[in-house]
Every structure is written in C-alpha cells, then in structure tokens.
Amino acid sequence: MNTDLYSTTLRQLNAKIIPFIIICYFVANLDKTNISIAALQMNADLGLSASMYGLGVGMFYISYIIFEIPSNVIMTRVGARLWIARIMITWGIVSAGMSLVHTPTQLYVMRFLLGMAEAGFTPGIIYYISCWFPKSNRARAMSFFYMGSVMASIIGLPLSGSILNMHGIADIAGWRWLFALEGIPAIALGVLVLWRLPQTPDHAAWLTPEQKGWLKRQLERDNAGVEVGTNHNWYSALKNKTVLLLSLVWFLQAFGSIGITLFLPLIIKSMATEQSNFVVSLLAAVPFIFACLFMYLNGRHSDTTNERSWHLGLPLILSGLSLAVAIYSSNLLLAYILLVLTVGFNFALTPIFWAVTTEKLAGVAAAASIAFINTIANFVGLGLPPLLGKIKDATNSYHYGLLIVAVALIIGGIVGILVSRPTQPGAAKNAASRLS
C-alpha cells in the first residue's frame, strides 16, 4: 500500500478540482432555486396564484427531463470541460433574462429555457468526479460537491433576500434585480471552466507522472467490478435492474429536495406571517447549514467504515419521520426544528447515493445512467410543485402536501437500504486493497 502516493494525490484532487466545482454548483442551484425568494414579490407583480407559481417552477423540469440524457451522452463525446462550460454560459444568460418577464406565460417560457440550458450539469459533474476520485474517497468528494448546492441556500437565500431590498432602485423591482445579478456569475464561471477543469488525469499539469499512473491504475481497478460497465451501451444500461431501483430511490428522495426546498420560504412565511421577507430568508437558510454538516459527517463516516446501505437509507427514513411529526406539531418552534432536521437528513444521503451509483456503473453507460436517474427524479419537480400549489389553494395549508412528501421519503429510505447492499460477499471489506 503506497499511502504517501495515495494521500498526496488526493490532496491535489481535493485542492484543484473540488473548490471550483463547489462554486459552480453553488451558482447552478442559486439560479435554479432563487425563484423561491423572488416569489415573495414576483407572485404579486405577475398575478400568480400558488398553483400558477407551482406551474412556473415545474416548467424548468419539463425541458430538463427532455434534454438530460442527450446532454450527458454528448458530453462523453465532446468532453466534460467543453460541455460543462457551454451549459454554464447558456444558463447564465437565460437566468439573467428572467428579469425581463412581464406575464405568467413569459415566466413559463423562461423557466423552460432555463431547464433546457442547465440539463446535464449535475449528472455531468457527478460523472466527472467518478472519473477522478477512487471509490475509497468518493462519498467525501460527492459531499463536498453537494455543499455547493447547500451553500446556495445557506448563503444564497439571505443574499437573495437582501437583493429583494433593492426594490425601487432605478425604478426596478427587487425580484428583477435578483434574477439579473445572480445570472451573471454563471457566465463568468463557464468561461473559467475551460481553464480550470482538465479533461483527464493525463491533462492535469499539477499531477506528477507517478500520481497520474497511480490514479489511472486505481480507477481501472475500481471499475473492473462494476455491474454496468464499458461493455454496456448507454440505452441497454437504462433497462438494468440496479439502474431502475437507484432511479426509484432518487425519485422518492426528490420529494424532499425539490418539494421542500422550492416551497420552504413560503412554508415558513405561512408559519411566521409577521416576519419580514429578509427574516424569512434567514430562517429558510438555517436548515441547509445542518444539511451541509450532515452530508459531510455521513459521507466521511461511510468512507471510513466502508458501509453504504444504512448511511444511504436511514437518513431518508429519519427525514420523512421528522417531517411527519412537524406537520402535526402545534408548537411552532418544534415544527421549525423538525423542518430543519427534515432538510438535514434529506441531504445527508446524497453523497452516499452517488458514491453507490458510481461504484456500480462505469463508462458511457454510467454517464447515461446517471443522467437517467437524475431525469427520473426531475419528474418530481414537474409534478410536485403544481400539486403542492393546488393543495395549498384548496385547503389553505401545506399539511396534506407535506404528508405526501413524508411518506415518499420513508419508502425511498427502505428501498435505498435494499439496493445499496454489496453485490458480492465481503465486498464491504476490500477498501484497504483498493489503496495499494
């Protein structure tokens, strides 16, 4: 076991790749979810009901679903660096263009274009990480990557709330400033991708020849035992039982990550009607601080113990149970604390899920399968926000909609435990040999 080569190579990967993709993912989720804060002003300006807002949110996912798999297949042909740069530049332009909408129909069109532009980014980055990080460090790498998503809520929600306070400057509404200012960083980062993200380890000038050789041998060894590998074409991989079960888990998980995230400011506003929009944005950011912590601790502990199943399934079950109790709590403080735990546990499984997925899949089949899994989950974004909006309009409460979310999370956790079990006896005990 060459522990020195292992540790020095991983330090280089963590220093050169992870911080930049965290920033990119931060901006991606900021531009995708800032509509939840903009809604605090925008809905009244555009005359949107809760149902219409839900439809506007859902339009993003229609185009995202359509273009997700083709985007990742193209990425494997033109290269991750070029394709990720294209994605970021186009979504930045569309996101900034959201500031120009004046009617509900224009909002729907721009959300559709935003989904089309961003399609393939998340699975593309996940696939990129799997091409660089060995299995023994992959959950931690995934947890750092997803911290970009979480920070988009920790930092982005209060930031977006502050930008709303620019309302009236130059006679422009605050929510228009919000979309305009938060779209620009994606364009700049898209240009930087061409400079900062090397295509393969062979193109990484900051790795020594010894480090490149070790890393390539390690990745080849990791990929040798995958269930869906280079001998599978991308379309046959989508019919694989493991891919379908992983898709089901990620689909059910998305009830929390999509449903709660995009409605959290509105849910909190309904609980604390006397609070200002900025205070609501701060309260909406707190759960994601815990999400960041839970992701890191769960990912690190999973890598250290080399156990995946319970680290994947149990957090999702706890997330559903926390939400179910929060719904029926008459104590507002307790309900808020349980919402915090719901979000924290919901995100805690994320790095484990993608570590498990990339341990079972490799090659172009992996790129297509990751996109397929993510695409299936995005059907939740297509259907759940409009459903939650209709339930809110009909009952004047989010309770029944959130109960659906809670049940989905619990079922997803159970399926996750089953699908993430090692496929071979003793497979969970081979971590040490993978470091040699």
Protein backbone atom coordinates (compact mmCIF):
# COMPACT_ATOMS: atom_id res chain seq x y z
CA MET A 1 0.00 0.00 0.00
CA ASN A 2 1.58 3.27 -1.08
CA THR A 3 -0.14 5.53 1.42
CA ASP A 4 2.08 8.53 0.63
CA LEU A 5 1.17 8.46 -3.06
CA TYR A 6 -2.49 7.91 -2.15
CA SER A 7 -2.64 10.86 0.26
CA THR A 8 -0.64 13.30 -1.87
CA THR A 9 -2.71 12.55 -4.99
CA LEU A 10 -5.99 13.00 -3.15
CA ARG A 11 -4.78 16.24 -1.61
CA GLN A 12 -4.11 17.54 -5.11
CA LEU A 13 -7.54 16.44 -6.34
CA ASN A 14 -9.26 17.99 -3.34
CA ALA A 15 -7.35 21.26 -3.77
CA LYS A 16 -7.57 21.66 -7.55
CA ILE A 17 -10.96 20.21 -8.51
CA ILE A 18 -13.34 20.28 -5.55
CA PRO A 19 -13.32 24.02 -4.64
CA PHE A 20 -14.04 25.09 -8.21
CA ILE A 21 -16.90 22.66 -8.80
CA ILE A 22 -18.37 23.65 -5.42
CA ILE A 23 -18.53 27.24 -6.66
CA CYS A 24 -20.05 26.13 -9.97
CA TYR A 25 -22.70 24.05 -8.25
CA PHE A 26 -23.42 26.88 -5.84
CA VAL A 27 -24.23 29.17 -8.76
CA ALA A 28 -26.25 26.44 -10.53
CA ASN A 29 -28.54 25.94 -7.56
CA LEU A 30 -28.70 29.65 -6.84
CA ASP A 31 -30.06 30.30 -10.33
CA LYS A 32 -32.40 27.30 -10.20
CA THR A 33 -33.95 27.99 -6.78
CA ASN A 34 -33.78 31.79 -6.42
CA ILE A 35 -37.32 31.82 -7.78
CA SER A 36 -38.42 30.68 -4.29
CA ILE A 37 -37.26 34.03 -2.87
CA ALA A 38 -38.29 36.05 -5.91
CA ALA A 39 -41.80 34.64 -5.41
CA LEU A 40 -42.19 36.73 -2.25
CA GLN A 41 -42.51 39.80 -4.57
CA MET A 42 -42.87 38.36 -8.06
CA ASN A 43 -46.10 36.44 -7.47
CA ALA A 44 -47.97 39.64 -6.63
CA ASP A 45 -46.40 41.61 -9.50
CA LEU A 46 -47.26 38.97 -12.11
CA GLY A 47 -50.60 37.99 -10.53
CA LEU A 48 -49.52 34.41 -9.79
CA SER A 49 -51.59 32.13 -7.56
CA ALA A 50 -49.88 29.29 -5.67
CA SER A 51 -50.92 26.93 -8.48
CA MET A 52 -49.50 29.23 -11.17
CA TYR A 53 -46.25 29.60 -9.24
CA GLY A 54 -46.04 25.81 -8.96
CA LEU A 55 -46.51 25.54 -12.73
CA GLY A 56 -43.76 28.09 -13.30
CA VAL A 57 -41.42 26.10 -11.06
CA GLY A 58 -42.38 22.89 -12.84
CA MET A 59 -41.70 24.21 -16.37
CA PHE A 60 -37.97 24.05 -15.59
CA TYR A 61 -38.20 20.32 -15.13
CA ILE A 62 -40.07 19.61 -18.38
CA SER A 63 -37.14 20.73 -20.52
CA TYR A 64 -34.60 19.39 -18.02
CA ILE A 65 -36.16 15.93 -18.36
CA ILE A 66 -36.22 16.09 -22.16
CA PHE A 67 -32.59 17.15 -22.60
CA GLU A 68 -30.87 15.48 -19.61
CA ILE A 69 -29.84 12.16 -21.16
CA PRO A 70 -28.90 13.58 -24.60
CA SER A 71 -26.79 16.20 -22.85
CA ASN A 72 -24.75 13.62 -20.94
CA VAL A 73 -24.30 11.40 -23.99
CA ILE A 74 -22.99 14.40 -25.94
CA MET A 75 -20.67 15.22 -23.02
CA THR A 76 -18.94 11.84 -23.31
CA ARG A 77 -18.23 12.62 -26.98
CA VAL A 78 -17.13 16.27 -26.86
CA GLY A 79 -15.56 16.17 -23.40
CA ALA A 80 -16.75 17.27 -19.98
CA ARG A 81 -14.79 20.53 -19.90
CA LEU A 82 -16.25 21.97 -23.10
CA TRP A 83 -19.78 20.77 -22.41
CA ILE A 84 -19.93 21.99 -18.80
CA ALA A 85 -18.68 25.39 -19.98
CA ARG A 86 -21.45 25.52 -22.61
CA ILE A 87 -24.07 24.61 -20.05
CA MET A 88 -22.99 27.30 -17.59
CA ILE A 89 -22.76 30.11 -20.12
CA THR A 90 -26.20 29.43 -21.63
CA TRP A 91 -28.00 29.02 -18.32
CA GLY A 92 -26.40 32.22 -17.02
CA ILE A 93 -27.77 34.13 -20.00
CA VAL A 94 -31.27 32.68 -19.54
CA SER A 95 -31.24 33.19 -15.77
CA ALA A 96 -30.39 36.87 -16.18
CA GLY A 97 -33.11 37.09 -18.81
CA MET A 98 -35.68 36.06 -16.19
CA SER A 99 -35.53 39.67 -15.02
CA LEU A 100 -37.33 40.75 -18.19
CA VAL A 101 -40.55 38.73 -17.85
CA HIS A 102 -43.84 40.62 -17.53
CA THR A 103 -46.51 37.92 -17.82
CA PRO A 104 -47.05 34.40 -16.43
CA THR A 105 -46.59 32.96 -19.93
CA GLN A 106 -43.20 34.65 -20.31
CA LEU A 107 -42.20 33.22 -16.93
CA TYR A 108 -43.18 29.72 -18.05
CA VAL A 109 -41.17 30.10 -21.27
CA MET A 110 -38.04 31.34 -19.49
CA ARG A 111 -38.20 28.57 -16.89
CA PHE A 112 -38.47 26.06 -19.76
CA LEU A 113 -35.41 27.58 -21.44
CA LEU A 114 -33.51 27.55 -18.13
CA GLY A 115 -34.12 23.82 -17.72
CA MET A 116 -33.02 23.19 -21.30
CA ALA A 117 -29.82 25.18 -20.78
CA GLU A 118 -28.91 23.55 -17.47
CA ALA A 119 -29.81 19.96 -18.44
CA GLY A 120 -26.89 17.64 -17.89
CA PHE A 121 -24.90 19.81 -15.49
CA THR A 122 -25.42 17.87 -12.25
CA PRO A 123 -25.04 14.36 -13.72
CA GLY A 124 -22.16 15.65 -15.82
CA ILE A 125 -20.26 16.82 -12.74
CA ILE A 126 -21.08 13.59 -10.89
CA TYR A 127 -19.70 11.59 -13.81
CA TYR A 128 -16.65 13.87 -13.92
CA ILE A 129 -15.95 13.24 -10.21
CA SER A 130 -16.23 9.47 -10.74
CA CYS A 131 -13.53 9.75 -13.43
CA TRP A 132 -11.11 11.33 -10.95
CA PHE A 133 -11.78 10.05 -7.43
CA PRO A 134 -11.25 6.43 -6.27
CA LYS A 135 -14.12 4.63 -4.55
CA SER A 136 -12.39 4.91 -1.18
CA ASN A 137 -12.76 8.71 -1.26
CA ARG A 138 -15.79 9.17 -3.49
CA ALA A 139 -18.50 9.76 -0.87
CA ARG A 140 -16.47 12.55 0.70
CA ALA A 141 -15.82 14.06 -2.73
CA MET A 142 -19.55 13.92 -3.50
CA SER A 143 -20.36 15.52 -0.15
CA PHE A 144 -18.05 18.45 -0.91
CA PHE A 145 -19.62 18.82 -4.36
CA TYR A 146 -23.13 18.93 -2.94
CA MET A 147 -22.05 21.52 -0.42
CA GLY A 148 -22.26 23.90 -3.36
CA SER A 149 -25.97 23.13 -3.54
CA VAL A 150 -26.39 23.59 0.19
CA MET A 151 -24.42 26.83 0.26
CA ALA A 152 -26.75 28.15 -2.42
CA SER A 153 -29.38 28.01 0.30
CA ILE A 154 -27.21 28.95 3.31
CA ILE A 155 -25.67 31.97 1.58
CA GLY A 156 -27.97 32.36 -1.41
CA LEU A 157 -31.29 32.67 0.41
CA PRO A 158 -30.20 35.60 2.64
CA LEU A 159 -28.29 37.09 -0.31
CA SER A 160 -31.39 36.85 -2.47
CA GLY A 161 -33.45 38.32 0.35
CA SER A 162 -31.04 41.26 0.53
CA ILE A 163 -31.25 41.83 -3.22
CA LEU A 164 -35.04 41.97 -2.90
CA ASN A 165 -34.47 45.04 -0.74
CA MET A 166 -33.09 46.78 -3.86
CA HIS A 167 -36.74 47.13 -4.82
CA GLY A 168 -37.30 50.54 -6.43
CA ILE A 169 -33.67 51.29 -7.26
CA ALA A 170 -33.66 52.73 -10.80
CA ASP A 171 -37.40 52.12 -10.64
CA ILE A 172 -36.79 48.36 -10.98
CA ALA A 173 -38.49 45.71 -8.84
CA GLY A 174 -36.30 43.84 -6.36
CA TRP A 175 -37.06 40.43 -7.85
CA ARG A 176 -35.88 41.68 -11.26
CA TRP A 177 -32.58 42.79 -9.72
CA LEU A 178 -32.38 39.33 -8.16
CA PHE A 179 -32.54 37.43 -11.44
CA ALA A 180 -30.31 39.88 -13.30
CA LEU A 181 -27.48 39.96 -10.75
CA GLU A 182 -27.45 36.25 -9.96
CA GLY A 183 -27.29 35.17 -13.61
CA ILE A 184 -24.00 36.94 -14.38
CA PRO A 185 -21.63 34.71 -12.28
CA ALA A 186 -22.65 31.59 -14.24
CA ILE A 187 -21.46 33.20 -17.49
CA ALA A 188 -18.09 34.12 -15.98
CA LEU A 189 -17.60 30.69 -14.41
CA GLY A 190 -18.49 29.00 -17.68
CA VAL A 191 -15.53 30.74 -19.30
CA LEU A 192 -13.25 29.76 -16.39
CA VAL A 193 -14.22 26.07 -16.74
CA LEU A 194 -12.18 25.93 -19.96
CA TRP A 195 -9.12 26.95 -17.99
CA ARG A 196 -9.66 25.29 -14.59
CA LEU A 197 -11.06 21.82 -15.30
CA PRO A 198 -8.65 19.40 -17.01
CA GLN A 199 -10.25 16.79 -19.25
CA THR A 200 -8.50 13.71 -17.78
CA PRO A 201 -5.70 12.98 -15.29
CA ASP A 202 -3.27 12.95 -18.24
CA HIS A 203 -4.13 16.63 -18.83
CA ALA A 204 -3.58 17.67 -15.19
CA ALA A 205 -0.30 19.60 -15.10
CA TRP A 206 -0.44 19.67 -11.29
CA LEU A 207 -0.14 15.86 -11.00
CA THR A 208 3.27 14.18 -11.20
CA PRO A 209 3.75 11.26 -13.60
CA GLU A 210 3.75 8.89 -10.62
CA GLN A 211 0.47 10.34 -9.34
CA LYS A 212 -1.14 10.10 -12.78
CA GLY A 213 -0.07 6.48 -13.14
CA TRP A 214 -1.32 5.52 -9.67
CA LEU A 215 -4.65 7.29 -10.17
CA LYS A 216 -5.33 5.67 -13.55
CA ARG A 217 -4.47 2.20 -12.23
CA GLN A 218 -6.69 2.74 -9.19
CA LEU A 219 -9.67 3.90 -11.25
CA GLU A 220 -9.27 0.96 -13.63
CA ARG A 221 -9.21 -1.42 -10.65
CA ASP A 222 -12.31 0.21 -9.16
CA ASN A 223 -14.20 -0.03 -12.45
CA ALA A 224 -13.29 -3.67 -13.01
CA GLY A 225 -16.05 -4.93 -10.73
CA VAL A 226 -18.94 -2.65 -11.69
CA GLU A 227 -22.35 -4.08 -12.55
CA VAL A 228 -22.82 -1.83 -15.61
CA GLY A 229 -19.55 -1.11 -17.38
CA THR A 230 -17.91 -0.29 -20.67
CA ASN A 231 -19.37 -3.42 -22.28
CA HIS A 232 -22.85 -1.92 -21.96
CA ASN A 233 -24.16 0.64 -24.44
CA TRP A 234 -25.98 3.61 -22.96
CA TYR A 235 -29.53 2.58 -23.91
CA SER A 236 -29.29 -1.03 -22.69
CA ALA A 237 -27.92 0.22 -19.36
CA LEU A 238 -31.18 2.08 -18.75
CA LYS A 239 -33.04 -1.26 -18.55
CA ASN A 240 -30.71 -2.65 -15.86
CA LYS A 241 -32.48 -3.58 -12.61
CA THR A 242 -29.95 -1.76 -10.45
CA VAL A 243 -30.27 1.42 -12.51
CA LEU A 244 -34.07 1.27 -12.22
CA LEU A 245 -34.01 0.75 -8.44
CA LEU A 246 -31.49 3.56 -7.97
CA SER A 247 -33.78 5.75 -10.07
CA LEU A 248 -36.67 4.94 -7.74
CA VAL A 249 -34.66 5.91 -4.66
CA TRP A 250 -33.56 9.22 -6.19
CA PHE A 251 -37.11 9.89 -7.40
CA LEU A 252 -38.51 9.47 -3.87
CA GLN A 253 -35.66 11.47 -2.34
CA ALA A 254 -36.52 14.34 -4.68
CA PHE A 255 -39.88 14.77 -2.95
CA GLY A 256 -37.86 16.34 -0.16
CA SER A 257 -35.01 18.05 -2.00
CA ILE A 258 -37.31 19.59 -4.63
CA GLY A 259 -40.64 19.87 -2.84
CA ILE A 260 -39.39 21.30 0.43
CA THR A 261 -36.55 23.43 -0.96
CA LEU A 262 -38.65 25.30 -3.50
CA PHE A 263 -41.51 25.92 -1.05
CA LEU A 264 -39.54 26.38 2.18
CA PRO A 265 -39.63 30.21 2.24
CA LEU A 266 -43.38 30.15 1.53
CA ILE A 267 -43.95 27.45 4.17
CA ILE A 268 -42.02 29.45 6.77
CA LYS A 269 -43.84 32.62 5.75
CA SER A 270 -47.14 30.84 6.39
CA MET A 271 -45.88 29.89 9.86
CA ALA A 272 -44.46 33.32 10.73
CA THR A 273 -46.69 35.77 8.89
CA GLU A 274 -45.48 38.76 10.89
CA GLN A 275 -41.83 38.36 9.84
CA SER A 276 -40.21 40.37 7.05
CA ASN A 277 -39.09 38.73 3.82
CA PHE A 278 -35.44 39.06 4.87
CA VAL A 279 -36.06 37.31 8.20
CA VAL A 280 -37.95 34.58 6.36
CA SER A 281 -34.97 34.14 4.01
CA LEU A 282 -32.66 33.78 7.03
CA LEU A 283 -34.92 31.22 8.67
CA ALA A 284 -35.10 29.33 5.36
CA ALA A 285 -31.28 29.21 5.20
CA VAL A 286 -30.72 27.63 8.63
CA PRO A 287 -31.84 24.07 7.65
CA PHE A 288 -29.17 24.00 4.96
CA ILE A 289 -26.40 24.68 7.46
CA PHE A 290 -27.36 21.38 9.08
CA ALA A 291 -27.67 19.76 5.65
CA CYS A 292 -24.06 20.72 4.93
CA LEU A 293 -22.89 19.29 8.27
CA PHE A 294 -24.92 16.09 7.94
CA MET A 295 -23.66 15.48 4.38
CA TYR A 296 -20.03 15.82 5.38
CA LEU A 297 -20.29 13.68 8.52
CA ASN A 298 -22.35 10.98 6.84
CA GLY A 299 -20.08 10.86 3.78
CA ARG A 300 -16.92 10.75 5.84
CA HIS A 301 -18.25 8.07 8.19
CA SER A 302 -19.44 5.98 5.24
CA ASP A 303 -16.00 6.12 3.59
CA THR A 304 -14.24 5.39 6.88
CA THR A 305 -16.39 2.36 7.72
CA ASN A 306 -16.90 1.40 4.05
CA GLU A 307 -20.60 0.90 4.80
CA ARG A 308 -23.14 2.26 2.35
CA SER A 309 -26.63 0.78 2.89
CA TRP A 310 -27.57 2.27 6.27
CA HIS A 311 -25.75 5.51 5.56
CA LEU A 312 -27.95 5.86 2.48
CA GLY A 313 -31.35 4.64 3.66
CA LEU A 314 -31.58 5.62 7.32
CA PRO A 315 -31.22 9.42 6.82
CA LEU A 316 -34.07 9.37 4.31
CA ILE A 317 -36.31 7.48 6.73
CA LEU A 318 -35.45 9.93 9.52
CA SER A 319 -36.17 12.83 7.17
CA GLY A 320 -39.66 11.51 6.45
CA LEU A 321 -40.41 10.85 10.11
CA SER A 322 -39.23 14.34 11.12
CA LEU A 323 -41.47 15.93 8.51
CA ALA A 324 -44.48 13.81 9.54
CA VAL A 325 -44.14 14.90 13.16
CA ALA A 326 -43.58 18.55 12.14
CA ILE A 327 -46.86 18.58 10.23
CA TYR A 328 -48.91 17.73 13.30
CA SER A 329 -46.93 19.77 15.83
CA SER A 330 -48.87 22.66 17.35
CA ASN A 331 -45.65 24.19 18.69
CA LEU A 332 -44.18 26.48 16.01
CA LEU A 333 -40.63 26.28 17.39
CA LEU A 334 -40.71 22.48 17.47
CA ALA A 335 -42.21 22.38 13.99
CA TYR A 336 -39.41 24.61 12.71
CA ILE A 337 -36.71 22.47 14.38
CA LEU A 338 -38.21 19.37 12.80
CA LEU A 339 -38.20 21.10 9.40
CA VAL A 340 -34.51 21.83 9.95
CA LEU A 341 -33.87 18.13 10.66
CA THR A 342 -36.00 17.10 7.68
CA VAL A 343 -33.81 19.08 5.29
CA GLY A 344 -30.59 17.99 7.04
CA PHE A 345 -31.39 14.28 6.89
CA ASN A 346 -32.72 14.58 3.33
CA PHE A 347 -29.40 15.90 2.07
CA ALA A 348 -27.28 13.60 4.28
CA LEU A 349 -27.77 10.61 2.00
CA THR A 350 -26.83 12.48 -1.20
CA PRO A 351 -23.06 11.81 -1.30
CA ILE A 352 -23.64 8.17 -0.33
CA PHE A 353 -26.21 7.72 -3.08
CA TRP A 354 -23.89 8.95 -5.81
CA ALA A 355 -20.94 7.04 -4.36
CA VAL A 356 -23.02 3.86 -4.54
CA THR A 357 -24.20 4.71 -8.05
CA THR A 358 -20.72 5.35 -9.44
CA GLU A 359 -19.42 2.21 -7.71
CA LYS A 360 -21.95 0.15 -9.67
CA LEU A 361 -21.67 1.96 -13.03
CA ALA A 362 -18.80 2.96 -15.32
CA GLY A 363 -18.09 4.24 -18.83
CA VAL A 364 -20.57 5.87 -21.21
CA ALA A 365 -23.25 3.63 -19.67
CA ALA A 366 -22.56 5.37 -16.36
CA ALA A 367 -22.90 8.82 -17.91
CA ALA A 368 -26.24 7.92 -19.47
CA SER A 369 -27.46 6.07 -16.36
CA ILE A 370 -26.59 8.95 -14.04
CA ALA A 371 -28.47 11.29 -16.34
CA PHE A 372 -31.39 8.86 -16.47
CA ILE A 373 -31.51 8.59 -12.67
CA ASN A 374 -31.44 12.35 -12.33
CA THR A 375 -34.06 12.70 -15.08
CA ILE A 376 -36.50 10.37 -13.31
CA ALA A 377 -36.11 12.42 -10.14
CA ASN A 378 -36.89 15.59 -12.05
CA PHE A 379 -40.37 14.29 -12.79
CA VAL A 380 -40.97 15.18 -9.14
CA GLY A 381 -40.06 18.77 -10.00
CA LEU A 382 -42.51 18.62 -12.87
CA GLY A 383 -45.46 17.29 -10.87
CA LEU A 384 -44.96 18.04 -7.18
CA PRO A 385 -44.74 21.88 -7.13
CA PRO A 386 -48.02 22.28 -9.07
CA LEU A 387 -49.62 19.64 -6.81
CA LEU A 388 -48.44 21.39 -3.63
CA GLY A 389 -49.72 24.68 -5.03
CA LYS A 390 -53.15 23.22 -5.80
CA ILE A 391 -53.39 21.61 -2.34
CA LYS A 392 -52.44 24.92 -0.74
CA ASP A 393 -55.06 26.80 -2.78
CA ALA A 394 -57.74 24.20 -1.95
CA THR A 395 -57.03 23.74 1.77
CA ASN A 396 -55.18 26.97 2.67
CA SER A 397 -52.49 24.72 4.17
CA TYR A 398 -49.37 22.83 3.08
CA HIS A 399 -50.02 19.96 5.53
CA TYR A 400 -51.56 17.42 3.17
CA GLY A 401 -48.95 18.06 0.50
CA LEU A 402 -46.11 17.68 3.00
CA LEU A 403 -47.60 14.41 4.26
CA ILE A 404 -47.22 13.02 0.73
CA VAL A 405 -43.58 14.12 0.84
CA ALA A 406 -43.01 12.41 4.21
CA VAL A 407 -44.40 9.07 3.01
CA ALA A 408 -42.27 9.20 -0.15
CA LEU A 409 -39.10 9.83 1.87
CA ILE A 410 -39.72 6.87 4.19
CA ILE A 411 -40.38 4.49 1.30
CA GLY A 412 -37.29 5.80 -0.50
CA GLY A 413 -35.13 5.10 2.54
CA ILE A 414 -36.32 1.50 2.73
CA VAL A 415 -35.65 0.89 -0.98
CA GLY A 416 -32.27 2.61 -0.61
CA ILE A 417 -31.14 0.20 2.09
CA LEU A 418 -32.00 -2.75 -0.15
CA VAL A 419 -30.46 -1.55 -3.41
CA SER A 420 -27.18 -0.31 -1.90
CA ARG A 421 -26.21 -3.60 -0.27
CA PRO A 422 -22.89 -5.07 -1.53
CA THR A 423 -23.42 -7.33 -4.53
CA GLN A 424 -20.67 -9.75 -3.52
CA PRO A 425 -19.98 -11.33 -0.09
CA GLY A 426 -17.24 -9.47 1.66
CA ALA A 427 -17.31 -6.61 -0.84
CA ALA A 428 -17.51 -4.14 2.00
CA LYS A 429 -14.17 -5.33 3.37
CA ASN A 430 -11.98 -4.63 0.36
CA ALA A 431 -11.22 -0.94 0.92
CA ALA A 432 -7.64 -1.49 2.00
CA SER A 433 -6.77 -3.49 -1.08
CA ARG A 434 -8.06 -0.70 -3.31
CA LEU A 435 -5.42 1.67 -1.94
CA SER A 436 -2.44 -0.42 -2.98
